[in-house]
């Protein structure tokens, strides 16, 4: 049997994996040759996360090789969403399967990384597997942790973007699912307290659309790279979220606190 050498990442390897990704997702097209609305939106998200991953890796001065791997982490991070949606007609992991685990299984069962350097393919697999985990495993290699953290940042940046883009374009009314279809009422004091103490809130503590916004702002404490926070600033994320939350002393304190946190962190790194 002829053994083929597994190559380190280069532009040709990148293009090969990109083609494999799109050849795989194409099987989920409708009879008319196009994706349904939900999968089309998911592809748009994937493309933006890929761009975010490149933005972060380039601004963190990673090597050209590592920037290509970062882009592939972004490209493949939600590949499990396609089979998830086909089977369950939902993107809710609670109602179906863990889409990170699903993506990991899809890549392996379809041999999508065949011929790719084992260390590099493992890095991408780890990023796909754990990009949506509450915490990443301690036993990951340092390089896998770096790329998984980058993927988590890139994903969160786009979740913010989807909401702030609707705010800027006055289309939030038709995208209330971004706020869990909850009313913009006063915030849960538990979430306010956690934000003001630089800690994370829980989904179970969300009672209103305001809580969704504040919980997402808590994510900023988890951003792993300063370049991610720079991108958040460029997108005017905090300012735009503040415009849709009800005016109150609690909300004002939260917005001021998180804004100062970002300013302080960027000034000291």
C-alpha atoms as a PDB file:
ATOM      1  CA  UNK A   1       0.000   0.000   0.000  1.00  0.00           C
ATOM      2  CA  UNK A   2       1.338   3.431  -0.954  1.00  0.00           C
ATOM      3  CA  UNK A   3       1.537   5.831   1.983  1.00  0.00           C
ATOM      4  CA  UNK A   4       1.037   9.504   1.236  1.00  0.00           C
ATOM      5  CA  UNK A   5       2.897  12.023   3.357  1.00  0.00           C
ATOM      6  CA  UNK A   6       0.656  14.273   5.398  1.00  0.00           C
ATOM      7  CA  UNK A   7       1.451  17.856   4.470  1.00  0.00           C
ATOM      8  CA  UNK A   8       1.745  20.919   6.649  1.00  0.00           C
ATOM      9  CA  UNK A   9      -0.843  23.612   6.044  1.00  0.00           C
ATOM     10  CA  UNK A  10      -0.349  25.756   2.949  1.00  0.00           C
ATOM     11  CA  UNK A  11      -2.681  27.532   0.550  1.00  0.00           C
ATOM     12  CA  UNK A  12      -3.183  24.376  -1.518  1.00  0.00           C
ATOM     13  CA  UNK A  13      -4.110  22.389   1.572  1.00  0.00           C
ATOM     14  CA  UNK A  14      -6.419  25.189   2.648  1.00  0.00           C
ATOM     15  CA  UNK A  15      -8.180  25.201  -0.727  1.00  0.00           C
ATOM     16  CA  UNK A  16      -8.551  21.416  -0.590  1.00  0.00           C
ATOM     17  CA  UNK A  17     -10.249  21.561   2.805  1.00  0.00           C
ATOM     18  CA  UNK A  18     -12.411  24.502   1.748  1.00  0.00           C
ATOM     19  CA  UNK A  19     -13.601  22.497  -1.274  1.00  0.00           C
ATOM     20  CA  UNK A  20     -14.328  19.477   0.919  1.00  0.00           C
ATOM     21  CA  UNK A  21     -16.364  21.653   3.256  1.00  0.00           C
ATOM     22  CA  UNK A  22     -18.552  23.050   0.479  1.00  0.00           C
ATOM     23  CA  UNK A  23     -18.884  19.677  -1.257  1.00  0.00           C
ATOM     24  CA  UNK A  24     -20.168  18.275   2.038  1.00  0.00           C
ATOM     25  CA  UNK A  25     -22.660  21.041   2.826  1.00  0.00           C
ATOM     26  CA  UNK A  26     -23.966  21.021  -0.774  1.00  0.00           C
ATOM     27  CA  UNK A  27     -25.725  17.730  -0.047  1.00  0.00           C
ATOM     28  CA  UNK A  28     -28.115  19.682   2.188  1.00  0.00           C
ATOM     29  CA  UNK A  29     -29.438  21.861  -0.649  1.00  0.00           C
ATOM     30  CA  UNK A  30     -33.123  21.738  -1.533  1.00  0.00           C
ATOM     31  CA  UNK A  31     -34.464  20.253  -4.771  1.00  0.00           C
ATOM     32  CA  UNK A  32     -34.257  23.702  -6.368  1.00  0.00           C
ATOM     33  CA  UNK A  33     -30.485  23.663  -5.884  1.00  0.00           C
ATOM     34  CA  UNK A  34     -30.429  26.248  -3.106  1.00  0.00           C
ATOM     35  CA  UNK A  35     -30.271  26.107   0.671  1.00  0.00           C
ATOM     36  CA  UNK A  36     -33.353  26.722   2.778  1.00  0.00           C
ATOM     37  CA  UNK A  37     -33.443  30.091   4.547  1.00  0.00           C
ATOM     38  CA  UNK A  38     -32.146  28.778   7.874  1.00  0.00           C
ATOM     39  CA  UNK A  39     -29.120  27.025   6.363  1.00  0.00           C
ATOM     40  CA  UNK A  40     -28.411  30.004   4.123  1.00  0.00           C
ATOM     41  CA  UNK A  41     -28.297  32.194   7.232  1.00  0.00           C
ATOM     42  CA  UNK A  42     -26.023  29.652   8.914  1.00  0.00           C
ATOM     43  CA  UNK A  43     -23.617  29.767   5.960  1.00  0.00           C
ATOM     44  CA  UNK A  44     -23.511  33.553   6.198  1.00  0.00           C
ATOM     45  CA  UNK A  45     -22.654  33.218   9.886  1.00  0.00           C
ATOM     46  CA  UNK A  46     -19.897  30.713   9.085  1.00  0.00           C
ATOM     47  CA  UNK A  47     -18.392  33.035   6.475  1.00  0.00           C
ATOM     48  CA  UNK A  48     -18.336  35.947   8.939  1.00  0.00           C
ATOM     49  CA  UNK A  49     -16.804  33.808  11.693  1.00  0.00           C
ATOM     50  CA  UNK A  50     -14.114  32.733   9.213  1.00  0.00           C
ATOM     51  CA  UNK A  51     -13.389  36.402   8.492  1.00  0.00           C
ATOM     52  CA  UNK A  52     -13.304  37.156  12.227  1.00  0.00           C
ATOM     53  CA  UNK A  53     -10.853  34.300  12.803  1.00  0.00           C
ATOM     54  CA  UNK A  54      -8.551  35.719  10.140  1.00  0.00           C
ATOM     55  CA  UNK A  55      -8.883  39.215  11.595  1.00  0.00           C
ATOM     56  CA  UNK A  56      -7.907  38.044  15.078  1.00  0.00           C
ATOM     57  CA  UNK A  57      -5.027  35.818  13.963  1.00  0.00           C
ATOM     58  CA  UNK A  58      -3.544  38.496  11.711  1.00  0.00           C
ATOM     59  CA  UNK A  59      -3.850  41.200  14.355  1.00  0.00           C
ATOM     60  CA  UNK A  60      -2.275  38.905  16.921  1.00  0.00           C
ATOM     61  CA  UNK A  61       0.660  38.556  14.481  1.00  0.00           C
ATOM     62  CA  UNK A  62       0.295  34.806  13.991  1.00  0.00           C
ATOM     63  CA  UNK A  63       2.281  33.123  11.231  1.00  0.00           C
ATOM     64  CA  UNK A  64       0.822  32.704   7.745  1.00  0.00           C
ATOM     65  CA  UNK A  65       0.483  28.977   8.438  1.00  0.00           C
ATOM     66  CA  UNK A  66      -1.432  29.585  11.659  1.00  0.00           C
ATOM     67  CA  UNK A  67      -3.674  32.185  10.014  1.00  0.00           C
ATOM     68  CA  UNK A  68      -4.745  29.546   7.472  1.00  0.00           C
ATOM     69  CA  UNK A  69      -5.504  27.108  10.276  1.00  0.00           C
ATOM     70  CA  UNK A  70      -7.465  29.828  12.105  1.00  0.00           C
ATOM     71  CA  UNK A  71      -9.596  30.393   8.993  1.00  0.00           C
ATOM     72  CA  UNK A  72     -10.297  26.665   8.766  1.00  0.00           C
ATOM     73  CA  UNK A  73     -11.371  26.614  12.409  1.00  0.00           C
ATOM     74  CA  UNK A  74     -13.888  29.331  11.552  1.00  0.00           C
ATOM     75  CA  UNK A  75     -15.020  27.580   8.380  1.00  0.00           C
ATOM     76  CA  UNK A  76     -15.616  24.198  10.008  1.00  0.00           C
ATOM     77  CA  UNK A  77     -16.795  25.328  13.444  1.00  0.00           C
ATOM     78  CA  UNK A  78     -20.517  24.924  12.652  1.00  0.00           C
ATOM     79  CA  UNK A  79     -20.369  22.078  10.127  1.00  0.00           C
ATOM     80  CA  UNK A  80     -22.450  20.001  12.545  1.00  0.00           C
ATOM     81  CA  UNK A  81     -25.354  22.430  12.135  1.00  0.00           C
ATOM     82  CA  UNK A  82     -26.326  21.056   8.714  1.00  0.00           C
ATOM     83  CA  UNK A  83     -27.050  17.472   9.741  1.00  0.00           C
ATOM     84  CA  UNK A  84     -28.492  18.786  13.016  1.00  0.00           C
ATOM     85  CA  UNK A  85     -31.031  20.922  11.155  1.00  0.00           C
ATOM     86  CA  UNK A  86     -31.855  18.240   8.589  1.00  0.00           C
ATOM     87  CA  UNK A  87     -32.721  15.713  11.290  1.00  0.00           C
ATOM     88  CA  UNK A  88     -34.258  17.899  13.989  1.00  0.00           C
ATOM     89  CA  UNK A  89     -35.339  21.085  12.141  1.00  0.00           C
ATOM     90  CA  UNK A  90     -33.811  23.189  14.898  1.00  0.00           C
ATOM     91  CA  UNK A  91     -30.497  24.752  15.887  1.00  0.00           C
ATOM     92  CA  UNK A  92     -31.303  24.333  19.567  1.00  0.00           C
ATOM     93  CA  UNK A  93     -28.786  21.915  21.056  1.00  0.00           C
ATOM     94  CA  UNK A  94     -31.088  21.399  24.042  1.00  0.00           C
ATOM     95  CA  UNK A  95     -33.756  20.039  21.705  1.00  0.00           C
ATOM     96  CA  UNK A  96     -31.439  17.985  19.487  1.00  0.00           C
ATOM     97  CA  UNK A  97     -27.692  17.318  19.714  1.00  0.00           C
ATOM     98  CA  UNK A  98     -24.556  19.180  20.769  1.00  0.00           C
ATOM     99  CA  UNK A  99     -23.523  20.751  17.461  1.00  0.00           C
ATOM    100  CA  UNK A 100     -19.848  20.897  18.471  1.00  0.00           C
ATOM    101  CA  UNK A 101     -19.772  17.146  19.054  1.00  0.00           C
ATOM    102  CA  UNK A 102     -21.839  16.674  15.893  1.00  0.00           C
ATOM    103  CA  UNK A 103     -19.301  18.642  13.851  1.00  0.00           C
ATOM    104  CA  UNK A 104     -16.451  16.579  15.286  1.00  0.00           C
ATOM    105  CA  UNK A 105     -18.268  13.381  14.288  1.00  0.00           C
ATOM    106  CA  UNK A 106     -19.136  14.661  10.794  1.00  0.00           C
ATOM    107  CA  UNK A 107     -15.524  15.533  10.008  1.00  0.00           C
ATOM    108  CA  UNK A 108     -14.252  12.153  11.174  1.00  0.00           C
ATOM    109  CA  UNK A 109     -16.987  10.004   9.618  1.00  0.00           C
ATOM    110  CA  UNK A 110     -16.574  11.725   6.245  1.00  0.00           C
ATOM    111  CA  UNK A 111     -12.742  11.716   6.335  1.00  0.00           C
ATOM    112  CA  UNK A 112     -12.747  15.423   5.580  1.00  0.00           C
ATOM    113  CA  UNK A 113      -9.227  15.898   6.964  1.00  0.00           C
ATOM    114  CA  UNK A 114      -7.667  12.954   5.147  1.00  0.00           C
ATOM    115  CA  UNK A 115      -4.070  13.684   4.114  1.00  0.00           C
ATOM    116  CA  UNK A 116      -3.752  16.661   6.460  1.00  0.00           C
ATOM    117  CA  UNK A 117      -0.953  16.879   9.039  1.00  0.00           C
ATOM    118  CA  UNK A 118      -2.178  15.030  12.131  1.00  0.00           C
ATOM    119  CA  UNK A 119      -1.245  17.771  14.591  1.00  0.00           C
ATOM    120  CA  UNK A 120      -2.934  20.469  12.518  1.00  0.00           C
ATOM    121  CA  UNK A 121      -6.072  18.430  11.850  1.00  0.00           C
ATOM    122  CA  UNK A 122      -6.339  17.741  15.590  1.00  0.00           C
ATOM    123  CA  UNK A 123      -6.146  21.474  16.312  1.00  0.00           C
ATOM    124  CA  UNK A 124      -9.107  22.150  13.997  1.00  0.00           C
ATOM    125  CA  UNK A 125     -11.039  19.169  15.365  1.00  0.00           C
ATOM    126  CA  UNK A 126     -10.582  20.455  18.904  1.00  0.00           C
ATOM    127  CA  UNK A 127     -11.739  23.940  17.912  1.00  0.00           C
ATOM    128  CA  UNK A 128     -14.868  22.495  16.264  1.00  0.00           C
ATOM    129  CA  UNK A 129     -15.536  20.139  19.158  1.00  0.00           C
ATOM    130  CA  UNK A 130     -15.205  22.683  21.961  1.00  0.00           C
ATOM    131  CA  UNK A 131     -16.076  26.061  20.418  1.00  0.00           C
ATOM    132  CA  UNK A 132     -19.499  25.956  22.103  1.00  0.00           C
ATOM    133  CA  UNK A 133     -18.505  24.278  25.379  1.00  0.00           C
ATOM    134  CA  UNK A 134     -19.044  26.017  28.683  1.00  0.00           C
ATOM    135  CA  UNK A 135     -15.340  25.435  29.340  1.00  0.00           C
ATOM    136  CA  UNK A 136     -12.605  23.855  27.251  1.00  0.00           C
ATOM    137  CA  UNK A 137     -10.855  20.740  28.597  1.00  0.00           C
ATOM    138  CA  UNK A 138      -7.686  21.294  30.580  1.00  0.00           C
ATOM    139  CA  UNK A 139      -5.897  18.459  28.792  1.00  0.00           C
ATOM    140  CA  UNK A 140      -5.900  20.114  25.367  1.00  0.00           C
ATOM    141  CA  UNK A 141      -2.495  20.987  23.962  1.00  0.00           C
ATOM    142  CA  UNK A 142      -1.471  24.636  24.346  1.00  0.00           C
ATOM    143  CA  UNK A 143      -1.827  25.148  20.596  1.00  0.00           C
ATOM    144  CA  UNK A 144      -5.278  23.584  20.514  1.00  0.00           C
ATOM    145  CA  UNK A 145      -6.311  25.858  23.374  1.00  0.00           C
ATOM    146  CA  UNK A 146      -5.090  28.907  21.449  1.00  0.00           C
ATOM    147  CA  UNK A 147      -7.088  28.047  18.342  1.00  0.00           C
ATOM    148  CA  UNK A 148     -10.166  26.926  20.276  1.00  0.00           C
ATOM    149  CA  UNK A 149     -10.151  30.201  22.196  1.00  0.00           C
ATOM    150  CA  UNK A 150      -9.758  32.139  18.955  1.00  0.00           C
ATOM    151  CA  UNK A 151     -12.729  30.278  17.442  1.00  0.00           C
ATOM    152  CA  UNK A 152     -14.848  30.992  20.499  1.00  0.00           C
ATOM    153  CA  UNK A 153     -13.992  34.699  20.222  1.00  0.00           C
ATOM    154  CA  UNK A 154     -14.718  34.797  16.486  1.00  0.00           C
ATOM    155  CA  UNK A 155     -18.076  33.092  17.035  1.00  0.00           C
ATOM    156  CA  UNK A 156     -19.134  35.477  19.817  1.00  0.00           C
ATOM    157  CA  UNK A 157     -18.142  38.514  17.754  1.00  0.00           C
ATOM    158  CA  UNK A 158     -20.596  37.453  15.065  1.00  0.00           C
ATOM    159  CA  UNK A 159     -23.379  36.686  17.530  1.00  0.00           C
ATOM    160  CA  UNK A 160     -22.968  40.286  18.699  1.00  0.00           C
ATOM    161  CA  UNK A 161     -22.889  41.473  15.078  1.00  0.00           C
ATOM    162  CA  UNK A 162     -26.147  39.757  14.156  1.00  0.00           C
ATOM    163  CA  UNK A 163     -27.923  41.657  16.926  1.00  0.00           C
ATOM    164  CA  UNK A 164     -26.220  45.029  16.468  1.00  0.00           C
ATOM    165  CA  UNK A 165     -26.663  44.866  12.695  1.00  0.00           C
ATOM    166  CA  UNK A 166     -30.417  44.548  13.219  1.00  0.00           C
ATOM    167  CA  UNK A 167     -30.328  47.511  15.605  1.00  0.00           C
ATOM    168  CA  UNK A 168     -28.451  49.667  13.109  1.00  0.00           C
ATOM    169  CA  UNK A 169     -30.782  48.717  10.256  1.00  0.00           C
ATOM    170  CA  UNK A 170     -34.003  48.930  12.275  1.00  0.00           C
ATOM    171  CA  UNK A 171     -34.875  45.297  11.554  1.00  0.00           C
ATOM    172  CA  UNK A 172     -34.850  43.989  15.112  1.00  0.00           C
ATOM    173  CA  UNK A 173     -38.643  43.751  15.154  1.00  0.00           C
ATOM    174  CA  UNK A 174     -38.492  40.904  12.617  1.00  0.00           C
ATOM    175  CA  UNK A 175     -35.593  39.172  14.384  1.00  0.00           C
ATOM    176  CA  UNK A 176     -36.941  38.907  17.912  1.00  0.00           C
ATOM    177  CA  UNK A 177     -35.505  35.402  18.140  1.00  0.00           C
ATOM    178  CA  UNK A 178     -32.143  37.115  18.770  1.00  0.00           C
ATOM    179  CA  UNK A 179     -33.661  38.309  22.053  1.00  0.00           C
ATOM    180  CA  UNK A 180     -35.311  34.944  22.709  1.00  0.00           C
ATOM    181  CA  UNK A 181     -38.676  36.526  21.841  1.00  0.00           C
ATOM    182  CA  UNK A 182     -38.695  38.070  25.305  1.00  0.00           C
ATOM    183  CA  UNK A 183     -39.892  41.589  26.197  1.00  0.00           C
ATOM    184  CA  UNK A 184     -37.377  44.366  26.899  1.00  0.00           C
ATOM    185  CA  UNK A 185     -38.192  44.652  30.586  1.00  0.00           C
ATOM    186  CA  UNK A 186     -36.050  45.512  33.598  1.00  0.00           C
ATOM    187  CA  UNK A 187     -32.993  43.318  34.143  1.00  0.00           C
ATOM    188  CA  UNK A 188     -32.708  40.360  36.474  1.00  0.00           C
ATOM    189  CA  UNK A 189     -30.764  41.685  39.532  1.00  0.00           C
ATOM    190  CA  UNK A 190     -28.739  38.445  39.589  1.00  0.00           C
ATOM    191  CA  UNK A 191     -27.354  39.136  36.098  1.00  0.00           C
ATOM    192  CA  UNK A 192     -26.683  42.777  36.967  1.00  0.00           C
ATOM    193  CA  UNK A 193     -24.706  41.713  40.036  1.00  0.00           C
ATOM    194  CA  UNK A 194     -22.680  39.195  38.052  1.00  0.00           C
ATOM    195  CA  UNK A 195     -21.827  41.692  35.319  1.00  0.00           C
ATOM    196  CA  UNK A 196     -20.722  44.288  37.870  1.00  0.00           C
ATOM    197  CA  UNK A 197     -18.521  41.634  39.476  1.00  0.00           C
ATOM    198  CA  UNK A 198     -16.840  40.660  36.197  1.00  0.00           C
ATOM    199  CA  UNK A 199     -18.384  37.205  36.146  1.00  0.00           C
ATOM    200  CA  UNK A 200     -20.592  35.256  33.770  1.00  0.00           C
ATOM    201  CA  UNK A 201     -24.353  34.902  33.886  1.00  0.00           C
ATOM    202  CA  UNK A 202     -26.294  31.715  33.155  1.00  0.00           C
ATOM    203  CA  UNK A 203     -28.878  31.172  30.438  1.00  0.00           C
ATOM    204  CA  UNK A 204     -31.254  29.919  33.128  1.00  0.00           C
ATOM    205  CA  UNK A 205     -31.167  33.399  34.701  1.00  0.00           C
ATOM    206  CA  UNK A 206     -32.545  35.115  31.590  1.00  0.00           C
ATOM    207  CA  UNK A 207     -36.040  36.514  32.096  1.00  0.00           C
ATOM    208  CA  UNK A 208     -36.167  39.304  29.486  1.00  0.00           C
ATOM    209  CA  UNK A 209     -34.581  40.633  26.324  1.00  0.00           C
ATOM    210  CA  UNK A 210     -32.578  42.991  28.535  1.00  0.00           C
ATOM    211  CA  UNK A 211     -31.105  39.966  30.306  1.00  0.00           C
ATOM    212  CA  UNK A 212     -30.054  38.509  26.941  1.00  0.00           C
ATOM    213  CA  UNK A 213     -28.133  41.705  26.175  1.00  0.00           C
ATOM    214  CA  UNK A 214     -26.479  41.824  29.607  1.00  0.00           C
ATOM    215  CA  UNK A 215     -25.552  38.136  29.523  1.00  0.00           C
ATOM    216  CA  UNK A 216     -23.870  38.662  26.160  1.00  0.00           C
ATOM    217  CA  UNK A 217     -22.008  41.669  27.539  1.00  0.00           C
ATOM    218  CA  UNK A 218     -20.685  39.341  30.253  1.00  0.00           C
ATOM    219  CA  UNK A 219     -19.033  37.400  27.429  1.00  0.00           C
ATOM    220  CA  UNK A 220     -16.599  40.285  27.042  1.00  0.00           C
ATOM    221  CA  UNK A 221     -14.844  39.160  30.215  1.00  0.00           C
ATOM    222  CA  UNK A 222     -14.159  35.868  28.435  1.00  0.00           C
ATOM    223  CA  UNK A 223     -12.673  37.316  25.267  1.00  0.00           C
ATOM    224  CA  UNK A 224      -9.294  35.672  24.935  1.00  0.00           C
ATOM    225  CA  UNK A 225      -7.594  38.120  22.571  1.00  0.00           C
ATOM    226  CA  UNK A 226      -7.330  41.881  22.703  1.00  0.00           C
ATOM    227  CA  UNK A 227      -7.926  41.951  18.946  1.00  0.00           C
ATOM    228  CA  UNK A 228     -11.388  40.538  19.679  1.00  0.00           C
ATOM    229  CA  UNK A 229     -12.170  43.463  21.971  1.00  0.00           C
ATOM    230  CA  UNK A 230     -10.818  45.886  19.358  1.00  0.00           C
ATOM    231  CA  UNK A 231     -13.284  44.378  16.877  1.00  0.00           C
ATOM    232  CA  UNK A 232     -16.089  44.700  19.434  1.00  0.00           C
ATOM    233  CA  UNK A 233     -15.216  48.388  19.794  1.00  0.00           C
ATOM    234  CA  UNK A 234     -15.076  48.903  16.033  1.00  0.00           C
ATOM    235  CA  UNK A 235     -18.582  47.442  15.737  1.00  0.00           C
ATOM    236  CA  UNK A 236     -19.843  49.776  18.527  1.00  0.00           C
ATOM    237  CA  UNK A 237     -21.314  46.732  20.204  1.00  0.00           C
ATOM    238  CA  UNK A 238     -21.792  48.090  23.725  1.00  0.00           C
ATOM    239  CA  UNK A 239     -23.183  51.426  22.543  1.00  0.00           C
ATOM    240  CA  UNK A 240     -25.710  49.795  20.214  1.00  0.00           C
ATOM    241  CA  UNK A 241     -26.934  47.298  22.802  1.00  0.00           C
ATOM    242  CA  UNK A 242     -27.395  50.166  25.234  1.00  0.00           C
ATOM    243  CA  UNK A 243     -29.847  51.836  22.827  1.00  0.00           C
ATOM    244  CA  UNK A 244     -32.395  48.994  23.021  1.00  0.00           C
ATOM    245  CA  UNK A 245     -32.271  48.321  26.743  1.00  0.00           C
ATOM    246  CA  UNK A 246     -34.685  50.184  29.020  1.00  0.00           C
ATOM    247  CA  UNK A 247     -33.271  53.279  30.694  1.00  0.00           C
ATOM    248  CA  UNK A 248     -32.559  52.509  34.323  1.00  0.00           C
ATOM    249  CA  UNK A 249     -29.839  53.028  36.895  1.00  0.00           C
ATOM    250  CA  UNK A 250     -28.974  49.313  36.799  1.00  0.00           C
ATOM    251  CA  UNK A 251     -28.549  49.228  33.024  1.00  0.00           C
ATOM    252  CA  UNK A 252     -26.589  52.482  33.082  1.00  0.00           C
ATOM    253  CA  UNK A 253     -24.198  51.043  35.682  1.00  0.00           C
ATOM    254  CA  UNK A 254     -23.705  47.884  33.626  1.00  0.00           C
ATOM    255  CA  UNK A 255     -22.975  49.743  30.395  1.00  0.00           C
ATOM    256  CA  UNK A 256     -20.537  52.086  32.143  1.00  0.00           C
ATOM    257  CA  UNK A 257     -18.811  49.207  33.926  1.00  0.00           C
ATOM    258  CA  UNK A 258     -18.289  47.046  30.841  1.00  0.00           C
ATOM    259  CA  UNK A 259     -17.148  50.057  28.797  1.00  0.00           C
ATOM    260  CA  UNK A 260     -14.535  50.899  31.426  1.00  0.00           C
ATOM    261  CA  UNK A 261     -13.440  47.260  31.555  1.00  0.00           C
ATOM    262  CA  UNK A 262     -12.761  47.228  27.803  1.00  0.00           C
ATOM    263  CA  UNK A 263     -10.957  50.560  27.925  1.00  0.00           C
ATOM    264  CA  UNK A 264      -8.787  49.471  30.855  1.00  0.00           C
ATOM    265  CA  UNK A 265      -7.913  46.099  29.336  1.00  0.00           C
ATOM    266  CA  UNK A 266      -6.939  47.552  25.962  1.00  0.00           C
ATOM    267  CA  UNK A 267      -4.909  50.308  27.598  1.00  0.00           C
ATOM    268  CA  UNK A 268      -2.924  47.846  29.694  1.00  0.00           C
ATOM    269  CA  UNK A 269      -2.052  45.254  27.065  1.00  0.00           C
END
